[in-house]
Protein backbone atom coordinates (compact mmCIF):
# COMPACT_ATOMS: atom_id res chain seq x y z
CA MET A 1 96.90 30.84 70.16
CA LEU A 2 99.59 28.86 71.95
CA VAL A 3 99.62 29.14 75.74
CA SER A 4 102.17 28.29 78.39
CA ALA A 5 101.61 24.98 80.19
CA LYS A 6 101.66 26.64 83.61
CA GLU A 7 97.97 27.32 84.13
CA MET A 8 96.70 24.08 82.58
CA LEU A 9 99.01 22.06 84.83
CA GLN A 10 98.15 23.98 88.00
CA LYS A 11 94.47 23.31 87.27
CA ALA A 12 95.24 19.64 86.59
CA LYS A 13 97.16 19.21 89.83
CA ALA A 14 94.39 20.89 91.84
CA GLY A 15 91.74 18.81 90.03
CA LYS A 16 93.62 15.50 90.40
CA TYR A 17 93.92 14.79 86.68
CA ALA A 18 96.83 15.00 84.25
CA VAL A 19 97.39 16.69 80.88
CA GLY A 20 99.00 14.53 78.22
CA GLN A 21 102.09 15.63 76.34
CA PHE A 22 101.96 13.90 72.99
CA ASN A 23 105.16 14.12 70.97
CA ILE A 24 104.73 15.19 67.36
CA ASN A 25 106.86 14.05 64.45
CA ASN A 26 105.18 15.46 61.34
CA LEU A 27 101.96 16.97 59.96
CA GLU A 28 99.86 13.82 60.49
CA TRP A 29 100.91 13.56 64.13
CA THR A 30 100.21 17.21 64.83
CA LYS A 31 96.81 17.15 63.14
CA ALA A 32 95.80 13.92 64.91
CA VAL A 33 96.69 15.26 68.37
CA LEU A 34 95.09 18.69 67.83
CA GLN A 35 91.85 17.27 66.40
CA THR A 36 91.52 14.75 69.21
CA ALA A 37 92.12 17.43 71.85
CA GLN A 38 89.40 19.58 70.28
CA GLU A 39 86.96 16.66 69.99
CA GLN A 40 87.59 15.63 73.60
CA GLN A 41 87.64 19.24 74.85
CA SER A 42 90.94 18.51 76.56
CA PRO A 43 93.93 20.76 77.14
CA VAL A 44 97.01 19.33 75.44
CA ILE A 45 100.78 19.72 75.22
CA LEU A 46 102.55 19.07 71.91
CA GLY A 47 106.02 17.75 72.65
CA VAL A 48 108.94 18.21 70.26
CA SER A 49 112.23 16.45 70.94
CA GLU A 50 115.42 17.98 69.56
CA GLY A 51 115.64 15.10 67.08
CA ALA A 52 112.06 15.59 65.88
CA GLY A 53 112.65 19.34 65.63
CA LYS A 54 115.63 18.68 63.36
CA TYR A 55 113.61 16.14 61.34
CA MET A 56 110.88 18.74 60.73
CA THR A 57 113.68 21.08 59.46
CA GLY A 58 113.81 23.32 62.55
CA TYR A 59 111.79 24.90 65.34
CA LYS A 60 110.49 27.80 63.22
CA THR A 61 108.91 25.31 60.82
CA VAL A 62 107.24 23.55 63.76
CA VAL A 63 105.88 26.83 65.17
CA GLY A 64 104.59 27.88 61.72
CA MET A 65 102.88 24.53 61.15
CA VAL A 66 101.27 24.38 64.61
CA ASN A 67 100.04 28.00 64.56
CA GLY A 68 98.68 27.66 61.01
CA MET A 69 96.98 24.38 61.78
CA MET A 70 95.34 25.67 64.96
CA GLU A 71 93.88 28.56 63.00
CA GLU A 72 92.70 26.44 60.04
CA LEU A 73 91.17 23.74 62.28
CA GLY A 74 89.54 26.27 64.60
CA ILE A 75 91.23 24.87 67.72
CA THR A 76 89.86 26.52 70.87
CA VAL A 77 91.24 24.23 73.60
CA PRO A 78 94.45 25.26 75.45
CA VAL A 79 97.53 24.08 73.51
CA ALA A 80 101.14 24.39 74.66
CA LEU A 81 104.05 23.76 72.28
CA HIS A 82 106.84 22.30 74.39
CA LEU A 83 110.48 21.43 73.76
CA ASP A 84 111.09 17.96 75.20
CA HIS A 85 114.48 17.21 76.81
CA GLY A 86 116.08 20.36 75.49
CA GLY A 87 119.75 21.11 75.91
CA TYR A 88 120.66 24.68 76.86
CA GLU A 89 121.20 25.75 73.20
CA GLY A 90 117.98 24.05 72.09
CA CYS A 91 116.06 25.95 74.76
CA LEU A 92 117.41 29.28 73.50
CA LYS A 93 116.43 28.41 69.91
CA CYS A 94 112.86 27.51 70.96
CA ILE A 95 112.46 30.72 72.97
CA GLU A 96 113.44 32.61 69.81
CA ALA A 97 111.25 30.50 67.48
CA GLY A 98 108.03 31.07 69.43
CA PHE A 99 107.46 27.90 71.47
CA SER A 100 105.23 28.46 74.51
CA SER A 101 107.02 26.05 76.85
CA ILE A 102 110.42 24.39 77.17
CA MET A 103 112.03 21.61 79.13
CA PHE A 104 115.62 22.10 80.14
CA ASP A 105 117.15 18.69 80.71
CA GLY A 106 120.14 19.50 82.90
CA SER A 107 120.05 16.09 84.54
CA HIS A 108 123.44 15.11 83.10
CA TYR A 109 125.17 18.22 84.54
CA PRO A 110 126.55 18.35 88.08
CA ILE A 111 123.75 19.75 90.28
CA GLU A 112 125.49 23.17 90.66
CA GLU A 113 125.63 23.66 86.89
CA ASN A 114 122.06 22.40 86.45
CA VAL A 115 120.99 25.02 89.04
CA ALA A 116 122.95 27.86 87.37
CA LYS A 117 121.59 27.17 83.87
CA THR A 118 118.04 26.64 85.17
CA LYS A 119 118.18 30.05 86.91
CA GLU A 120 119.14 31.76 83.65
CA LEU A 121 116.29 30.07 81.77
CA VAL A 122 113.76 30.89 84.52
CA ALA A 123 114.47 34.59 83.96
CA MET A 124 114.22 34.24 80.16
CA VAL A 125 110.94 32.34 80.03
CA LYS A 126 109.30 34.79 82.45
CA GLU A 127 110.00 37.61 79.99
CA HIS A 128 108.30 35.63 77.21
CA GLY A 129 105.31 34.32 79.19
CA MET A 130 106.49 30.73 78.68
CA SER A 131 106.61 27.76 81.05
CA LEU A 132 109.73 25.83 82.04
CA GLU A 133 110.11 22.17 82.99
CA ALA A 134 113.23 20.93 84.74
CA GLU A 135 114.48 17.39 85.30
CA VAL A 136 116.23 15.81 88.27
CA GLY A 137 117.57 12.25 88.11
CA SER A 138 117.77 10.77 84.62
CA ILE A 139 114.76 9.03 83.12
CA GLY A 140 115.67 5.53 81.96
CA GLY A 141 115.56 4.01 78.50
CA GLU A 142 116.69 5.65 75.28
CA GLU A 143 115.55 8.99 73.92
CA ASP A 144 117.40 10.43 70.94
CA GLY A 145 120.47 8.38 71.86
CA VAL A 146 120.53 9.28 75.57
CA ILE A 147 120.33 6.12 77.67
CA GLY A 148 119.36 6.06 81.34
CA ALA A 149 118.55 3.16 83.66
CA GLY A 150 115.41 4.45 85.35
CA GLU A 151 117.01 5.99 88.42
CA CYS A 152 115.15 7.61 91.27
CA ALA A 153 115.70 11.31 91.87
CA ASP A 154 116.97 12.72 95.16
CA PRO A 155 113.97 14.53 96.72
CA GLN A 156 116.25 17.23 98.24
CA GLU A 157 117.72 17.99 94.81
CA CYS A 158 114.15 18.16 93.45
CA LYS A 159 113.28 20.77 96.06
CA MET A 160 116.41 22.77 95.20
CA ILE A 161 115.45 22.91 91.51
CA ALA A 162 111.72 23.49 92.22
CA ASP A 163 112.61 26.49 94.39
CA LEU A 164 114.36 28.20 91.46
CA GLY A 165 110.99 29.15 89.98
CA VAL A 166 110.41 26.43 87.38
CA ASP A 167 106.76 25.64 86.54
CA MET A 168 106.93 21.84 86.52
CA LEU A 169 109.36 19.17 87.57
CA ALA A 170 110.22 15.81 86.03
CA ALA A 171 111.62 13.59 88.75
CA GLY A 172 112.94 10.13 87.91
CA ILE A 173 110.84 7.57 89.80
CA GLY A 174 112.02 4.40 88.07
CA ASN A 175 110.24 5.28 84.80
CA ILE A 176 111.89 4.76 81.41
CA HIS A 177 111.42 5.86 77.80
CA GLY A 178 110.36 3.28 75.23
CA LYS A 179 109.11 -0.24 75.91
CA TYR A 180 109.44 -1.51 79.48
CA PRO A 181 111.58 -4.65 79.96
CA ALA A 182 110.02 -7.77 81.49
CA ASN A 183 112.08 -7.34 84.69
CA TRP A 184 111.00 -3.71 85.31
CA LYS A 185 110.40 -3.10 89.01
CA GLY A 186 107.58 -0.58 88.60
CA LEU A 187 107.31 3.05 89.70
CA SER A 188 108.76 4.11 93.04
CA PHE A 189 105.80 5.72 94.77
CA GLU A 190 107.97 6.26 97.85
CA THR A 191 110.19 8.59 95.81
CA LEU A 192 107.17 10.33 94.28
CA ASP A 193 105.61 10.82 97.70
CA ALA A 194 108.84 12.24 99.14
CA VAL A 195 109.26 14.63 96.18
CA GLN A 196 105.64 15.77 96.41
CA ALA A 197 106.02 16.39 100.17
CA LEU A 198 108.97 18.74 99.54
CA THR A 199 107.72 20.49 96.37
CA GLY A 200 104.12 21.21 97.44
CA ASP A 201 101.94 22.58 94.65
CA MET A 202 104.54 22.09 91.93
CA PRO A 203 103.01 20.00 89.09
CA LEU A 204 105.10 16.84 88.66
CA VAL A 205 105.82 15.24 85.29
CA LEU A 206 105.92 11.56 84.41
CA HIS A 207 108.09 10.74 81.40
CA GLY A 208 107.91 7.41 79.60
CA GLY A 209 104.15 6.97 79.95
CA THR A 210 104.03 4.11 77.42
CA GLY A 211 103.59 0.71 79.03
CA ILE A 212 103.08 1.82 82.64
CA PRO A 213 100.06 -0.13 83.98
CA GLU A 214 96.88 1.95 84.27
CA ASP A 215 96.55 1.52 88.02
CA MET A 216 100.09 2.91 88.47
CA ILE A 217 99.23 5.89 86.23
CA ARG A 218 96.14 6.62 88.32
CA LYS A 219 98.11 6.34 91.56
CA ALA A 220 100.84 8.66 90.22
CA ILE A 221 98.16 11.26 89.34
CA SER A 222 96.74 11.00 92.86
CA LEU A 223 100.26 11.74 94.19
CA GLY A 224 100.72 14.99 92.26
CA VAL A 225 101.65 14.01 88.69
CA ALA A 226 99.88 16.55 86.45
CA LYS A 227 101.67 15.97 83.11
CA ILE A 228 102.29 12.61 81.46
CA ASN A 229 104.40 12.21 78.33
CA VAL A 230 103.33 9.78 75.61
CA ASN A 231 105.36 9.09 72.51
CA THR A 232 106.22 5.44 71.84
CA GLU A 233 102.60 4.28 72.12
CA CYS A 234 101.46 6.57 69.28
CA GLN A 235 104.38 5.41 67.15
CA LEU A 236 103.54 1.76 67.74
CA SER A 237 99.84 2.19 66.90
CA PHE A 238 100.69 4.22 63.78
CA ALA A 239 103.14 1.53 62.62
CA GLN A 240 100.69 -1.31 63.30
CA ALA A 241 97.84 0.31 61.32
CA THR A 242 100.17 1.16 58.42
CA ARG A 243 101.51 -2.43 58.37
CA GLU A 244 97.95 -3.85 58.24
CA TYR A 245 97.02 -1.54 55.34
CA ILE A 246 100.03 -2.60 53.29
CA GLU A 247 99.83 -6.29 54.20
CA ALA A 248 96.18 -6.27 53.05
CA GLY A 249 97.47 -4.98 49.69
CA LYS A 250 95.34 -1.83 49.92
CA ASP A 251 98.18 0.33 48.63
CA GLN A 252 97.89 -1.57 45.32
CA GLN A 253 94.15 -1.05 44.90
CA GLY A 254 93.13 2.02 42.88
CA LYS A 255 95.09 5.01 44.17
CA GLY A 256 95.78 3.35 47.51
CA TYR A 257 99.42 4.42 47.19
CA ASP A 258 98.39 8.10 47.52
CA PRO A 259 100.02 9.20 50.80
CA ARG A 260 96.73 10.69 51.96
CA LYS A 261 95.20 7.21 51.72
CA LEU A 262 98.31 5.31 52.78
CA LEU A 263 98.75 7.34 55.97
CA ALA A 264 95.04 7.57 56.88
CA PRO A 265 94.81 4.33 58.95
CA GLY A 266 97.90 5.32 60.94
CA PHE A 267 96.49 8.80 61.48
CA GLU A 268 93.24 7.33 62.86
CA ALA A 269 95.28 4.98 65.07
CA ILE A 270 97.14 7.95 66.62
CA LYS A 271 93.80 9.65 67.30
CA ALA A 272 92.44 6.53 69.00
CA THR A 273 95.56 6.22 71.18
CA VAL A 274 95.46 9.90 72.18
CA LYS A 275 91.74 9.65 73.06
CA GLU A 276 92.38 6.57 75.20
CA LYS A 277 95.16 8.37 77.08
CA MET A 278 93.10 11.52 77.63
CA GLU A 279 90.36 9.37 79.14
CA LEU A 280 92.85 7.59 81.40
CA PHE A 281 94.49 10.85 82.49
CA GLY A 282 91.10 12.43 83.26
CA SER A 283 91.60 15.51 81.03
CA VAL A 284 88.50 15.00 78.82
CA GLY A 285 86.13 17.98 79.10
CA LYS A 286 88.62 20.00 81.12
CA ALA A 287 89.49 22.52 78.36
CA ASN A 288 87.43 25.31 79.88
CA ALA A 289 87.28 24.02 83.45
C-alpha cells in the first residue's frame, strides 16, 4: 500500500540518511525501482513529472500500474508515489487519482501567491493523509521545458513556506536538473546551512541529484537533506545499456528484437544505478528502521 513520504523522511532526517526519489517513465522503470527497493530493504519515492504522467496516459494509469505492481511483486518496503514539480491543477488531479504525495512547485509565482496556493494544498493533503513538498527559489537546468539557472533560495522565504505546514522543502542551493556544466560552482552549503537553521526538523529536498560529487551529497545529507531526486542518471544508464545491446547486433540474433529481451539490459542498468544511489544515500536496510 502506498504511504505518504512524511514519516520516511522524518526518520531519514533524524537518522542522517536520505531517501531517493527515482522518477518513473514506464513499466520497466517502475518495476526496476520497486524491485531494487525491496531487494535493498530501502524506503523509496517514485517520482512522476507532469510530462511523464501525460506520457503514461494520465495519473490514474500510473496509480493503477504502481498499486498492481506492488501487489504482484509482494513489495513490503515503504513506497510513496509523488508528483514532481506539479502545477496547481496537476496537484489537484493527483490528489483525486490516488497519489500519496505531491510537490507543488509555486517557485515561479510571486511569494504571496505561492503562500496562498500552498496553504490551500496543505489543507487538502491533510484530509487525504498525503505529504506535500514545496519549492522556494527555482532549481536550475531544464525540466519539462522549465529552465532555471541554479539560484539560491532566500532562507527567510523558506521559513515562511515551511511554517505553512508542508512536510518537506526543496530549496534551491545552486543545484540544477540534467547534466552539470563544466563551469558549475558547486552546491551552496552556506545557503543550506542558513535554511536548515531556520526550518529546524523540516526534511530538506535536493533536486538534480545527477552529477553532484559524492562528497557534496554526503555533506548535504549531514546538513539536513533527507530526500534526493534522481532522474537523468537512470535515463543515461538505460540508454547506454540499450545502445550496447543494439550495437553488438543482439537484436538481430534469434528473437533478440522481442521488447522483453531488447529492454532487459536497460532495465538491469536502472536497477544497478538505483542500488548505487541507495547505498550512497544510506537508505539500504532502513525499510523497517
